[in-house]
């Protein structure tokens, strides 16, 4: 008798990010013009993922500069002189870092909302 096929569906790195971030209170998603999944809090974009290969996340310039200097993310791939950053998703640890970066924005906005 063949064993039952109880295989677990494969979850992509991008899906891991979407699953985690959409579990946070108040987060909604939308599709962007380039097919990205945009994460919104109170109608404000806190960042987005392009499938499983990269995330773009905006920060105030001082926060962006610190995160780039620390090597946690890089300048935006199209607008390197803006507050936007790009984090490439190249390995299984990168989705966790993307979630942490998005959480920085989420926490900034929720802290401001609660004051």
N, C-alpha and C. Protein backbone atom coordinates (compact mmCIF):
# COMPACT_ATOMS: atom_id res chain seq x y z
N UNK A 1 0.83 -1.19 0.00
CA UNK A 1 0.00 0.00 0.00
C UNK A 1 0.87 1.25 0.00
N UNK A 2 0.58 2.23 -0.84
CA UNK A 2 1.36 3.47 -0.91
C UNK A 2 0.97 4.38 0.25
N UNK A 3 1.95 5.08 0.81
CA UNK A 3 1.60 6.03 1.89
C UNK A 3 0.75 7.16 1.35
N UNK A 4 -0.10 7.68 2.20
CA UNK A 4 -0.94 8.81 1.80
C UNK A 4 -0.05 10.00 1.48
N UNK A 5 -0.42 10.77 0.47
CA UNK A 5 0.35 11.95 0.10
C UNK A 5 -0.10 13.10 0.99
N UNK A 6 0.61 13.30 2.08
CA UNK A 6 0.29 14.38 3.03
C UNK A 6 1.29 15.52 2.90
N UNK A 7 1.80 15.72 1.69
CA UNK A 7 2.84 16.72 1.51
C UNK A 7 2.33 18.12 1.84
N UNK A 8 3.20 18.90 2.42
CA UNK A 8 2.90 20.27 2.78
C UNK A 8 3.11 21.15 1.56
N UNK A 9 2.17 22.07 1.29
CA UNK A 9 2.38 22.96 0.14
C UNK A 9 3.64 23.79 0.35
N UNK A 10 4.34 24.06 -0.72
CA UNK A 10 5.55 24.87 -0.66
C UNK A 10 5.14 26.33 -0.53
N UNK A 11 5.70 26.99 0.46
CA UNK A 11 5.44 28.41 0.68
C UNK A 11 6.68 29.17 0.23
N UNK A 12 6.49 30.12 -0.66
CA UNK A 12 7.62 30.88 -1.17
C UNK A 12 8.10 31.88 -0.11
N UNK A 13 9.28 32.41 -0.32
CA UNK A 13 9.83 33.42 0.60
C UNK A 13 8.93 34.65 0.66
N UNK A 14 8.42 35.07 -0.50
CA UNK A 14 7.51 36.23 -0.52
C UNK A 14 6.22 35.94 0.22
N UNK A 15 5.69 34.74 0.08
CA UNK A 15 4.46 34.37 0.79
C UNK A 15 4.68 34.36 2.30
N UNK A 16 5.88 33.97 2.73
CA UNK A 16 6.19 34.02 4.16
C UNK A 16 6.08 35.45 4.69
N UNK A 17 6.60 36.41 3.92
CA UNK A 17 6.54 37.82 4.32
C UNK A 17 5.08 38.27 4.37
N UNK A 18 4.33 37.99 3.31
CA UNK A 18 2.93 38.41 3.25
C UNK A 18 2.14 37.81 4.41
N UNK A 19 2.33 36.54 4.67
CA UNK A 19 1.60 35.86 5.75
C UNK A 19 1.88 36.52 7.10
N UNK A 20 3.14 36.81 7.38
CA UNK A 20 3.51 37.41 8.67
C UNK A 20 2.98 38.84 8.79
N UNK A 21 3.24 39.67 7.78
CA UNK A 21 2.89 41.09 7.88
C UNK A 21 1.37 41.28 7.92
N UNK A 22 0.63 40.47 7.19
CA UNK A 22 -0.83 40.62 7.20
C UNK A 22 -1.45 40.11 8.49
N UNK A 23 -0.66 39.50 9.37
CA UNK A 23 -1.19 39.08 10.68
C UNK A 23 -1.17 40.23 11.69
N UNK A 24 -0.50 41.34 11.35
CA UNK A 24 -0.42 42.47 12.26
C UNK A 24 -1.72 43.26 12.23
N UNK A 25 -2.20 43.74 13.38
CA UNK A 25 -3.45 44.51 13.42
C UNK A 25 -3.40 45.73 12.51
N UNK A 26 -4.46 45.92 11.72
CA UNK A 26 -4.61 47.10 10.88
C UNK A 26 -3.96 47.03 9.51
N UNK A 27 -3.20 45.97 9.23
CA UNK A 27 -2.54 45.87 7.92
C UNK A 27 -3.51 45.36 6.86
N UNK A 28 -3.53 46.06 5.74
CA UNK A 28 -4.28 45.61 4.57
C UNK A 28 -3.28 45.54 3.41
N UNK A 29 -3.69 44.90 2.33
CA UNK A 29 -2.82 44.81 1.16
C UNK A 29 -3.52 45.34 -0.07
N UNK A 30 -2.72 45.68 -1.04
CA UNK A 30 -3.22 46.11 -2.34
C UNK A 30 -2.18 45.66 -3.36
N UNK A 31 -2.59 45.59 -4.61
CA UNK A 31 -1.64 45.26 -5.68
C UNK A 31 -1.16 46.55 -6.31
N UNK A 32 0.14 46.64 -6.48
CA UNK A 32 0.73 47.82 -7.09
C UNK A 32 0.76 47.70 -8.60
N UNK A 33 1.20 48.77 -9.25
CA UNK A 33 1.19 48.80 -10.71
C UNK A 33 2.19 47.84 -11.34
N UNK A 34 3.16 47.37 -10.57
CA UNK A 34 4.15 46.43 -11.10
C UNK A 34 3.93 45.02 -10.57
N UNK A 35 2.72 44.76 -10.04
CA UNK A 35 2.38 43.43 -9.55
C UNK A 35 2.85 43.15 -8.14
N UNK A 36 3.38 44.18 -7.46
CA UNK A 36 3.85 43.97 -6.10
C UNK A 36 2.68 43.90 -5.12
N UNK A 37 2.92 43.32 -3.96
CA UNK A 37 1.95 43.31 -2.87
C UNK A 37 2.32 44.44 -1.93
N UNK A 38 1.45 45.45 -1.87
CA UNK A 38 1.67 46.64 -1.05
C UNK A 38 1.06 46.40 0.33
N UNK A 39 1.79 46.77 1.38
CA UNK A 39 1.29 46.67 2.74
C UNK A 39 0.89 48.07 3.20
N UNK A 40 -0.36 48.20 3.66
CA UNK A 40 -0.90 49.49 4.05
C UNK A 40 -1.32 49.48 5.51
N UNK A 41 -1.06 50.58 6.20
CA UNK A 41 -1.52 50.79 7.57
C UNK A 41 -2.14 52.17 7.61
N UNK A 42 -3.41 52.23 7.94
CA UNK A 42 -4.15 53.50 7.93
C UNK A 42 -4.06 54.17 6.56
N UNK A 43 -4.04 53.36 5.50
CA UNK A 43 -3.96 53.88 4.14
C UNK A 43 -2.57 54.32 3.71
N UNK A 44 -1.58 54.19 4.58
CA UNK A 44 -0.19 54.57 4.27
C UNK A 44 0.61 53.33 3.92
N UNK A 45 1.40 53.44 2.87
CA UNK A 45 2.25 52.32 2.47
C UNK A 45 3.42 52.22 3.45
N UNK A 46 3.62 51.00 4.01
CA UNK A 46 4.79 50.79 4.86
C UNK A 46 5.86 49.99 4.09
N UNK A 47 5.53 49.60 2.85
CA UNK A 47 6.47 48.87 2.00
C UNK A 47 5.74 47.87 1.14
N UNK A 48 6.49 47.17 0.28
CA UNK A 48 5.88 46.16 -0.57
C UNK A 48 6.92 45.11 -0.97
N UNK A 49 6.40 43.95 -1.36
CA UNK A 49 7.27 42.89 -1.87
C UNK A 49 6.95 42.65 -3.33
N UNK A 50 8.01 42.40 -4.09
CA UNK A 50 7.89 42.01 -5.49
C UNK A 50 8.11 40.50 -5.51
N UNK A 51 7.02 39.75 -5.42
CA UNK A 51 7.13 38.30 -5.41
C UNK A 51 8.05 37.84 -4.31
N UNK A 52 8.98 36.98 -4.66
CA UNK A 52 9.93 36.44 -3.68
C UNK A 52 11.35 36.92 -3.92
N UNK A 53 11.49 38.01 -4.70
CA UNK A 53 12.87 38.41 -4.99
C UNK A 53 13.32 39.73 -4.37
N UNK A 54 12.41 40.60 -3.95
CA UNK A 54 12.85 41.82 -3.29
C UNK A 54 11.69 42.52 -2.61
N UNK A 55 12.08 43.38 -1.65
CA UNK A 55 11.11 44.24 -0.96
C UNK A 55 11.61 45.67 -1.04
N UNK A 56 10.68 46.60 -1.22
CA UNK A 56 10.99 48.03 -1.22
C UNK A 56 10.28 48.63 -0.01
N UNK A 57 11.05 49.35 0.81
CA UNK A 57 10.51 49.87 2.06
C UNK A 57 10.96 51.32 2.23
N UNK A 58 10.00 52.26 2.44
CA UNK A 58 10.36 53.66 2.63
C UNK A 58 10.62 53.97 4.11
N UNK A 59 11.59 54.83 4.36
CA UNK A 59 11.89 55.28 5.70
C UNK A 59 12.19 56.77 5.67
N UNK A 60 12.06 57.43 6.82
CA UNK A 60 12.61 58.79 6.89
C UNK A 60 14.11 58.69 6.57
N UNK A 61 14.65 59.72 5.98
CA UNK A 61 16.01 59.65 5.46
C UNK A 61 17.05 59.24 6.53
N UNK A 62 16.92 59.75 7.75
CA UNK A 62 17.90 59.42 8.79
C UNK A 62 17.84 57.94 9.16
N UNK A 63 16.63 57.37 9.17
CA UNK A 63 16.46 55.94 9.47
C UNK A 63 17.01 55.13 8.31
N UNK A 64 16.69 55.54 7.10
CA UNK A 64 17.17 54.85 5.90
C UNK A 64 18.69 54.82 5.87
N UNK A 65 19.32 55.98 6.15
CA UNK A 65 20.78 56.05 6.11
C UNK A 65 21.41 55.12 7.14
N UNK A 66 20.82 55.04 8.33
CA UNK A 66 21.34 54.17 9.39
C UNK A 66 21.22 52.69 8.98
N UNK A 67 20.06 52.30 8.46
CA UNK A 67 19.83 50.90 8.06
C UNK A 67 20.76 50.49 6.91
N UNK A 68 20.97 51.40 5.96
CA UNK A 68 21.88 51.11 4.85
C UNK A 68 23.31 51.00 5.37
N UNK A 69 23.71 51.92 6.25
CA UNK A 69 25.07 51.88 6.82
C UNK A 69 25.32 50.59 7.59
N UNK A 70 24.28 50.08 8.25
CA UNK A 70 24.38 48.83 9.01
C UNK A 70 24.37 47.61 8.10
N UNK A 71 24.05 47.80 6.81
CA UNK A 71 24.01 46.69 5.88
C UNK A 71 22.73 45.87 5.96
N UNK A 72 21.72 46.39 6.62
CA UNK A 72 20.46 45.64 6.76
C UNK A 72 19.62 45.70 5.49
N UNK A 73 19.82 46.74 4.70
CA UNK A 73 19.10 46.93 3.45
C UNK A 73 20.00 47.81 2.57
N UNK A 74 19.55 48.06 1.36
CA UNK A 74 20.34 48.89 0.46
C UNK A 74 19.52 50.05 -0.06
N UNK A 75 20.17 50.99 -0.75
CA UNK A 75 19.43 52.08 -1.40
C UNK A 75 18.43 51.49 -2.40
N UNK A 76 17.39 52.21 -2.66
CA UNK A 76 16.36 51.75 -3.61
C UNK A 76 17.00 51.50 -4.98
N UNK A 77 16.57 50.42 -5.61
CA UNK A 77 17.18 50.00 -6.88
C UNK A 77 16.92 50.97 -8.02
N UNK A 78 15.89 51.80 -7.95
CA UNK A 78 15.60 52.76 -9.02
C UNK A 78 15.84 54.20 -8.55
N UNK A 79 15.52 54.46 -7.27
CA UNK A 79 15.64 55.82 -6.71
C UNK A 79 16.61 55.79 -5.52
N UNK A 80 17.90 55.62 -5.78
CA UNK A 80 18.87 55.43 -4.70
C UNK A 80 19.05 56.64 -3.77
N UNK A 81 18.65 57.82 -4.22
CA UNK A 81 18.82 59.01 -3.38
C UNK A 81 17.57 59.38 -2.61
N UNK A 82 16.57 58.50 -2.64
CA UNK A 82 15.33 58.74 -1.91
C UNK A 82 15.41 58.07 -0.53
N UNK A 83 14.35 58.17 0.23
CA UNK A 83 14.26 57.48 1.51
C UNK A 83 13.90 56.01 1.35
N UNK A 84 13.57 55.61 0.14
CA UNK A 84 13.20 54.22 -0.13
C UNK A 84 14.45 53.32 -0.09
N UNK A 85 14.23 52.09 0.33
CA UNK A 85 15.29 51.09 0.35
C UNK A 85 14.84 49.86 -0.43
N UNK A 86 15.80 49.04 -0.84
CA UNK A 86 15.50 47.76 -1.47
C UNK A 86 16.27 46.68 -0.72
N UNK A 87 15.54 45.66 -0.29
CA UNK A 87 16.16 44.49 0.34
C UNK A 87 15.92 43.32 -0.60
N UNK A 88 17.00 42.77 -1.15
CA UNK A 88 16.87 41.62 -2.03
C UNK A 88 16.67 40.37 -1.19
N UNK A 89 15.81 39.50 -1.66
CA UNK A 89 15.52 38.25 -0.97
C UNK A 89 16.27 37.16 -1.71
N UNK A 90 17.41 36.77 -1.13
CA UNK A 90 18.30 35.83 -1.83
C UNK A 90 18.44 34.50 -1.11
N UNK A 91 18.06 34.44 0.16
CA UNK A 91 18.20 33.19 0.91
C UNK A 91 17.06 33.07 1.92
N UNK A 92 17.03 31.97 2.64
CA UNK A 92 15.92 31.71 3.55
C UNK A 92 15.89 32.63 4.77
N UNK A 93 16.98 33.32 5.08
CA UNK A 93 17.00 34.27 6.21
C UNK A 93 16.47 35.64 5.81
N UNK A 94 16.55 35.98 4.53
CA UNK A 94 16.15 37.32 4.09
C UNK A 94 14.68 37.66 4.34
N UNK A 95 13.72 36.73 4.20
CA UNK A 95 12.34 37.11 4.52
C UNK A 95 12.17 37.58 5.96
N UNK A 96 12.92 36.99 6.90
CA UNK A 96 12.83 37.42 8.29
C UNK A 96 13.34 38.85 8.44
N UNK A 97 14.40 39.19 7.73
CA UNK A 97 14.93 40.56 7.78
C UNK A 97 13.94 41.53 7.14
N UNK A 98 13.30 41.13 6.04
CA UNK A 98 12.28 41.98 5.42
C UNK A 98 11.16 42.26 6.41
N UNK A 99 10.71 41.22 7.11
CA UNK A 99 9.65 41.39 8.11
C UNK A 99 10.11 42.35 9.20
N UNK A 100 11.35 42.22 9.66
CA UNK A 100 11.86 43.12 10.70
C UNK A 100 11.90 44.57 10.20
N UNK A 101 12.31 44.77 8.96
CA UNK A 101 12.35 46.12 8.40
C UNK A 101 10.94 46.70 8.27
N UNK A 102 10.01 45.91 7.80
CA UNK A 102 8.62 46.38 7.71
C UNK A 102 8.06 46.68 9.10
N UNK A 103 8.49 45.89 10.08
CA UNK A 103 8.01 46.10 11.46
C UNK A 103 8.50 47.45 11.99
N UNK A 104 9.68 47.88 11.58
CA UNK A 104 10.17 49.20 12.01
C UNK A 104 9.17 50.28 11.57
N UNK A 105 8.72 50.23 10.33
CA UNK A 105 7.75 51.21 9.84
C UNK A 105 6.42 51.07 10.56
N UNK A 106 5.96 49.84 10.72
CA UNK A 106 4.69 49.59 11.41
C UNK A 106 4.74 50.19 12.82
N UNK A 107 5.81 49.91 13.54
CA UNK A 107 5.92 50.41 14.91
C UNK A 107 6.02 51.93 14.96
N UNK A 108 6.72 52.54 14.00
CA UNK A 108 6.81 54.00 13.94
C UNK A 108 5.43 54.62 13.79
N UNK A 109 4.63 54.06 12.89
CA UNK A 109 3.30 54.62 12.60
C UNK A 109 2.35 54.38 13.76
N UNK A 110 2.36 53.18 14.32
CA UNK A 110 1.44 52.90 15.44
C UNK A 110 1.82 53.71 16.68
N UNK A 111 3.11 53.94 16.90
CA UNK A 111 3.53 54.76 18.05
C UNK A 111 3.04 56.18 17.88
N UNK A 112 3.13 56.71 16.68
CA UNK A 112 2.67 58.07 16.40
C UNK A 112 1.15 58.16 16.56
N UNK A 113 0.45 57.11 16.16
CA UNK A 113 -1.00 57.07 16.24
C UNK A 113 -1.46 57.08 17.71
N UNK A 114 -0.69 56.48 18.59
CA UNK A 114 -1.08 56.34 19.98
C UNK A 114 -0.67 57.52 20.86
N UNK A 115 -0.14 58.58 20.23
CA UNK A 115 0.26 59.76 21.02
C UNK A 115 -0.69 60.89 20.82
